[in-house]
Amino acid sequence: MTAKALWVLPIITAGILVASHTATAQQSDAGPLYLSLDCMKSTATDYVDLEKDIWQAMHQELVNQGKRTSWALYAVEFGDRSKCDYYTVTTFTGEEQLNADPAYEAAFEAAHPRKSWAKTMARTLASRERVSSELWVSVDSTEIKEHRFAIVNMMYARDPDVYERMESDVFKPGHQTLVDGGHRAGWSVYTLVSPIGTSVPYNYSTVDFVNELGPAPMAESMITAHPGLDLEEMHEMLELREHVSSETWARIAGTE
């Protein structure tokens, strides 16, 4: 395969989102980075306003309390909206945060002391259906900067150890070169914790964070990161995983 041919595969690896725009998704002293991904189907025209006006401030309060690392709301820009037209992404650093009691009502009272919790919950339930929830854990990441879009792909790998080494050792340096060159705002790879089983068609996800949609010089970046790289061999490495699906999400709101 020529460098030109590979250039047209700008988003061959992409996936689940980190809501924070500055932290990397690698393990810290507090533990690995977990992501709770909630698929939302809006049922009212004021759903986005509700998330931005009410829930964003509550999640910020929980971040301030140290009960989570970040929260963000994404809309499906290009993809199948029949099941989910929005996603919320909440990140937790280590098992202590992941298992902390969020105490939502207390967070609501701290963030909105003059509003009614019961009325807000009734409005929330009327505005969207939470179709499904998934738990992911970070495998590796470049720095993730502020971004407008996330190009989301789901992957299935039969040999997790080999696949993870390929992403970290071969493709991560190429993605870092794209970030350094201003072509992307970041990249991450995650593995699915729950649910799992034969009915789930993917077990990994990666993400390209971008501020502009369009192709990126992936081949040139890989050559820069790995001088003398055989592009044909690199293309064969992609067969280590099945590319299940792709979507583009637009970031709407998030915690600081």
Protein backbone atom coordinates (compact mmCIF):
# COMPACT_ATOMS: atom_id res chain seq x y z
CA MET A 1 0.00 0.00 0.00
CA THR A 2 1.33 3.44 -0.89
CA ALA A 3 1.55 6.40 1.47
CA LYS A 4 -1.08 8.17 -0.64
CA ALA A 5 -3.50 5.24 -0.34
CA LEU A 6 -3.06 5.08 3.42
CA TRP A 7 -3.63 8.84 3.70
CA VAL A 8 -7.29 8.36 2.88
CA LEU A 9 -7.74 6.27 6.05
CA PRO A 10 -7.60 9.18 8.50
CA ILE A 11 -9.89 7.69 11.11
CA ILE A 12 -9.06 3.99 10.95
CA THR A 13 -8.84 3.90 14.74
CA ALA A 14 -11.21 6.02 16.81
CA GLY A 15 -13.60 5.58 19.79
CA ILE A 16 -15.00 6.36 23.33
CA LEU A 17 -14.60 9.80 24.82
CA VAL A 18 -12.71 11.49 27.56
CA ALA A 19 -14.73 14.40 28.87
CA SER A 20 -11.74 16.27 30.29
CA HIS A 21 -9.70 18.16 27.71
CA THR A 22 -6.28 18.28 29.35
CA ALA A 23 -5.67 15.08 31.28
CA THR A 24 -4.34 11.89 29.69
CA ALA A 25 -6.23 8.65 30.10
CA GLN A 26 -3.32 6.58 31.41
CA GLN A 27 -3.20 5.13 34.91
CA SER A 28 -2.32 7.53 37.70
CA ASP A 29 -1.27 6.85 41.30
CA ALA A 30 -4.99 6.83 42.19
CA GLY A 31 -5.70 4.07 39.68
CA PRO A 32 -6.90 3.64 36.09
CA LEU A 33 -9.29 5.99 34.33
CA TYR A 34 -12.81 4.55 34.03
CA LEU A 35 -15.54 5.89 31.75
CA SER A 36 -19.26 5.51 32.25
CA LEU A 37 -20.96 5.95 28.87
CA ASP A 38 -24.72 6.56 28.89
CA CYS A 39 -26.73 6.32 25.68
CA MET A 40 -29.55 8.89 25.78
CA LYS A 41 -32.59 9.15 23.53
CA SER A 42 -34.14 12.60 23.82
CA THR A 43 -37.92 12.77 24.17
CA ALA A 44 -38.36 16.53 24.67
CA THR A 45 -37.10 19.64 22.92
CA ASP A 46 -35.61 21.03 26.13
CA TYR A 47 -33.35 18.01 26.82
CA VAL A 48 -30.07 19.79 26.00
CA ASP A 49 -31.10 22.84 28.04
CA LEU A 50 -31.81 20.55 30.99
CA GLU A 51 -28.37 18.94 30.79
CA LYS A 52 -26.61 22.31 30.46
CA ASP A 53 -28.68 24.29 32.96
CA ILE A 54 -29.19 21.65 35.67
CA TRP A 55 -27.03 18.54 35.38
CA GLN A 56 -23.77 20.16 34.27
CA ALA A 57 -23.64 22.21 37.48
CA MET A 58 -24.43 19.10 39.55
CA HIS A 59 -21.62 17.13 37.91
CA GLN A 60 -19.28 20.07 38.45
CA GLU A 61 -20.21 19.97 42.14
CA LEU A 62 -19.38 16.24 42.22
CA VAL A 63 -16.05 16.92 40.47
CA ASN A 64 -15.32 19.60 43.07
CA GLN A 65 -16.12 17.06 45.81
CA GLY A 66 -13.66 14.58 44.29
CA LYS A 67 -16.35 12.02 43.46
CA ARG A 68 -15.59 12.01 39.72
CA THR A 69 -12.98 13.38 37.35
CA SER A 70 -15.12 14.87 34.58
CA TRP A 71 -18.46 14.85 32.77
CA ALA A 72 -19.44 15.81 29.21
CA LEU A 73 -22.42 15.77 26.87
CA TYR A 74 -22.03 14.82 23.19
CA ALA A 75 -24.57 14.83 20.34
CA VAL A 76 -24.45 12.30 17.50
CA GLU A 77 -23.45 14.53 14.58
CA PHE A 78 -23.06 11.78 11.98
CA GLY A 79 -24.37 8.33 12.84
CA ASP A 80 -27.47 6.30 13.70
CA ARG A 81 -29.69 8.39 16.00
CA SER A 82 -32.51 5.85 16.20
CA LYS A 83 -31.18 4.39 19.45
CA CYS A 84 -29.09 7.23 20.93
CA ASP A 85 -28.97 10.83 19.76
CA TYR A 86 -26.88 11.99 22.74
CA TYR A 87 -24.23 10.48 25.00
CA THR A 88 -23.07 11.51 28.44
CA VAL A 89 -19.54 10.53 29.44
CA THR A 90 -18.47 10.50 33.09
CA THR A 91 -14.88 9.67 34.06
CA PHE A 92 -13.58 8.29 37.36
CA THR A 93 -9.95 7.98 38.45
CA GLY A 94 -9.50 4.74 40.35
CA GLU A 95 -11.93 2.44 42.10
CA GLU A 96 -12.49 4.81 45.03
CA GLN A 97 -14.10 7.43 42.77
CA LEU A 98 -15.88 4.78 40.72
CA ASN A 99 -17.55 3.35 43.83
CA ALA A 100 -18.24 6.65 45.62
CA ASP A 101 -21.88 7.40 46.44
CA PRO A 102 -22.75 10.38 44.19
CA ALA A 103 -25.52 11.59 46.51
CA TYR A 104 -27.24 13.36 43.63
CA GLU A 105 -29.90 15.07 45.71
CA ALA A 106 -27.29 16.69 47.97
CA ALA A 107 -25.28 17.75 44.91
CA PHE A 108 -28.45 19.23 43.41
CA GLU A 109 -29.19 21.21 46.57
CA ALA A 110 -25.62 22.54 46.61
CA ALA A 111 -25.72 23.54 42.94
CA HIS A 112 -29.36 24.75 42.80
CA PRO A 113 -30.44 25.78 46.31
CA ARG A 114 -33.64 27.47 45.08
CA LYS A 115 -34.91 24.72 42.80
CA SER A 116 -37.06 21.66 43.50
CA TRP A 117 -35.35 18.24 43.31
CA ALA A 118 -38.65 16.41 42.74
CA LYS A 119 -39.70 18.71 39.90
CA THR A 120 -36.26 18.49 38.30
CA MET A 121 -36.29 14.69 38.38
CA ALA A 122 -39.78 14.64 36.85
CA ARG A 123 -38.59 16.98 34.10
CA THR A 124 -35.50 14.84 33.56
CA LEU A 125 -37.46 11.61 33.21
CA ALA A 126 -39.80 13.31 30.73
CA SER A 127 -36.96 14.70 28.62
CA ARG A 128 -34.93 11.58 27.79
CA GLU A 129 -34.70 7.81 28.05
CA ARG A 130 -31.42 6.34 29.25
CA VAL A 131 -31.29 3.47 26.80
CA SER A 132 -28.07 1.78 27.98
CA SER A 133 -24.93 2.24 30.06
CA GLU A 134 -21.42 0.90 29.51
CA LEU A 135 -18.26 0.90 31.63
CA TRP A 136 -14.86 1.27 29.94
CA VAL A 137 -11.30 1.57 31.21
CA SER A 138 -8.41 3.42 29.59
CA VAL A 139 -5.62 1.47 27.94
CA ASP A 140 -3.50 4.32 26.56
CA SER A 141 -3.76 7.93 25.38
CA THR A 142 -1.97 10.95 24.04
CA GLU A 143 -2.57 14.31 25.64
CA ILE A 144 -6.19 15.33 25.03
CA LYS A 145 -6.75 19.01 24.30
CA GLU A 146 -9.92 21.03 23.96
CA HIS A 147 -11.96 19.72 21.03
CA ARG A 148 -15.20 20.18 19.10
CA PHE A 149 -15.67 16.63 17.78
CA ALA A 150 -14.84 13.04 18.63
CA ILE A 151 -14.73 10.44 15.86
CA VAL A 152 -15.95 7.27 17.54
CA ASN A 153 -15.18 3.74 16.31
CA MET A 154 -15.86 0.42 18.00
CA MET A 155 -13.39 -2.45 17.51
CA TYR A 156 -13.30 -6.19 18.13
CA ALA A 157 -9.91 -7.78 18.85
CA ARG A 158 -9.48 -11.53 19.24
CA ASP A 159 -6.07 -11.23 20.94
CA PRO A 160 -6.27 -8.35 23.45
CA ASP A 161 -2.58 -8.40 24.43
CA VAL A 162 -1.33 -8.21 20.86
CA TYR A 163 -3.89 -5.59 19.90
CA GLU A 164 -3.08 -3.33 22.86
CA ARG A 165 0.66 -3.53 22.11
CA MET A 166 -0.02 -2.59 18.49
CA GLU A 167 -2.03 0.48 19.48
CA SER A 168 0.46 1.66 22.10
CA ASP A 169 3.76 0.81 20.39
CA VAL A 170 2.91 1.40 16.72
CA PHE A 171 -0.07 3.70 16.30
CA LYS A 172 0.12 5.94 19.38
CA PRO A 173 3.38 7.61 18.20
CA GLY A 174 1.72 8.35 14.85
CA HIS A 175 -1.29 9.90 16.55
CA GLN A 176 1.02 11.92 18.80
CA THR A 177 2.71 13.30 15.68
CA LEU A 178 -0.72 14.38 14.39
CA VAL A 179 -1.44 16.10 17.71
CA ASP A 180 1.97 17.82 17.67
CA GLY A 181 1.28 19.02 14.12
CA GLY A 182 -2.10 20.48 15.02
CA HIS A 183 -4.09 17.95 12.95
CA ARG A 184 -5.80 16.44 15.99
CA ALA A 185 -6.55 17.38 19.58
CA GLY A 186 -5.90 13.91 20.99
CA TRP A 187 -6.32 10.16 20.75
CA SER A 188 -7.21 7.37 23.21
CA VAL A 189 -7.89 3.63 23.31
CA TYR A 190 -10.21 1.89 25.80
CA THR A 191 -11.33 -1.64 26.62
CA LEU A 192 -14.88 -2.61 27.58
CA VAL A 193 -15.46 -3.70 31.18
CA SER A 194 -19.25 -4.18 31.13
CA PRO A 195 -21.41 -5.44 29.53
CA ILE A 196 -19.53 -8.30 27.88
CA GLY A 197 -20.54 -11.56 26.20
CA THR A 198 -21.29 -13.02 22.80
CA SER A 199 -24.12 -10.53 22.20
CA VAL A 200 -21.73 -7.54 22.40
CA PRO A 201 -19.98 -7.10 19.00
CA TYR A 202 -17.01 -5.01 20.25
CA ASN A 203 -14.50 -5.09 23.10
CA TYR A 204 -12.30 -2.06 22.33
CA SER A 205 -12.77 1.52 21.28
CA THR A 206 -10.44 4.35 20.29
CA VAL A 207 -11.11 8.03 19.68
CA ASP A 208 -9.74 10.82 17.55
CA PHE A 209 -10.49 14.22 19.08
CA VAL A 210 -10.57 16.98 16.45
CA ASN A 211 -11.59 20.59 15.98
CA GLU A 212 -12.18 20.30 12.23
CA LEU A 213 -13.63 17.38 10.30
CA GLY A 214 -11.70 16.00 7.34
CA PRO A 215 -8.75 13.76 6.45
CA ALA A 216 -5.48 13.82 8.36
CA PRO A 217 -2.00 12.85 7.01
CA MET A 218 -1.86 9.55 8.91
CA ALA A 219 0.69 7.85 6.64
CA GLU A 220 3.09 10.77 6.76
CA SER A 221 2.73 10.95 10.55
CA MET A 222 3.42 7.23 10.91
CA ILE A 223 6.54 7.55 8.77
CA THR A 224 7.70 10.52 10.86
CA ALA A 225 7.11 8.55 14.07
CA HIS A 226 8.68 5.35 12.69
CA PRO A 227 11.40 6.16 10.09
CA GLY A 228 11.76 3.30 7.63
CA LEU A 229 8.34 1.88 8.46
CA ASP A 230 6.96 -0.60 5.93
CA LEU A 231 3.47 0.75 5.21
CA GLU A 232 2.31 -2.60 3.86
CA GLU A 233 3.21 -4.27 7.17
CA MET A 234 1.43 -1.52 9.06
CA HIS A 235 -1.67 -2.04 6.96
CA GLU A 236 -1.56 -5.76 7.77
CA MET A 237 -1.48 -4.92 11.48
CA LEU A 238 -4.96 -3.45 11.14
CA GLU A 239 -6.24 -6.97 10.58
CA LEU A 240 -5.57 -7.62 14.28
CA ARG A 241 -8.96 -6.04 14.91
CA GLU A 242 -12.34 -5.80 13.23
CA HIS A 243 -13.62 -2.28 12.68
CA VAL A 244 -17.24 -2.68 13.83
CA SER A 245 -18.76 0.82 13.52
CA SER A 246 -18.06 4.55 13.37
CA GLU A 247 -19.82 7.72 14.48
CA THR A 248 -18.92 11.40 14.81
CA TRP A 249 -19.98 13.12 18.02
CA ALA A 250 -20.09 16.88 18.69
CA ARG A 251 -19.16 18.10 22.16
CA ILE A 252 -21.94 20.28 23.63
CA ALA A 253 -21.00 20.84 27.26
CA GLY A 254 -18.73 19.59 30.02
CA THR A 255 -17.22 20.19 33.44
CA GLU A 256 -14.02 22.16 33.92
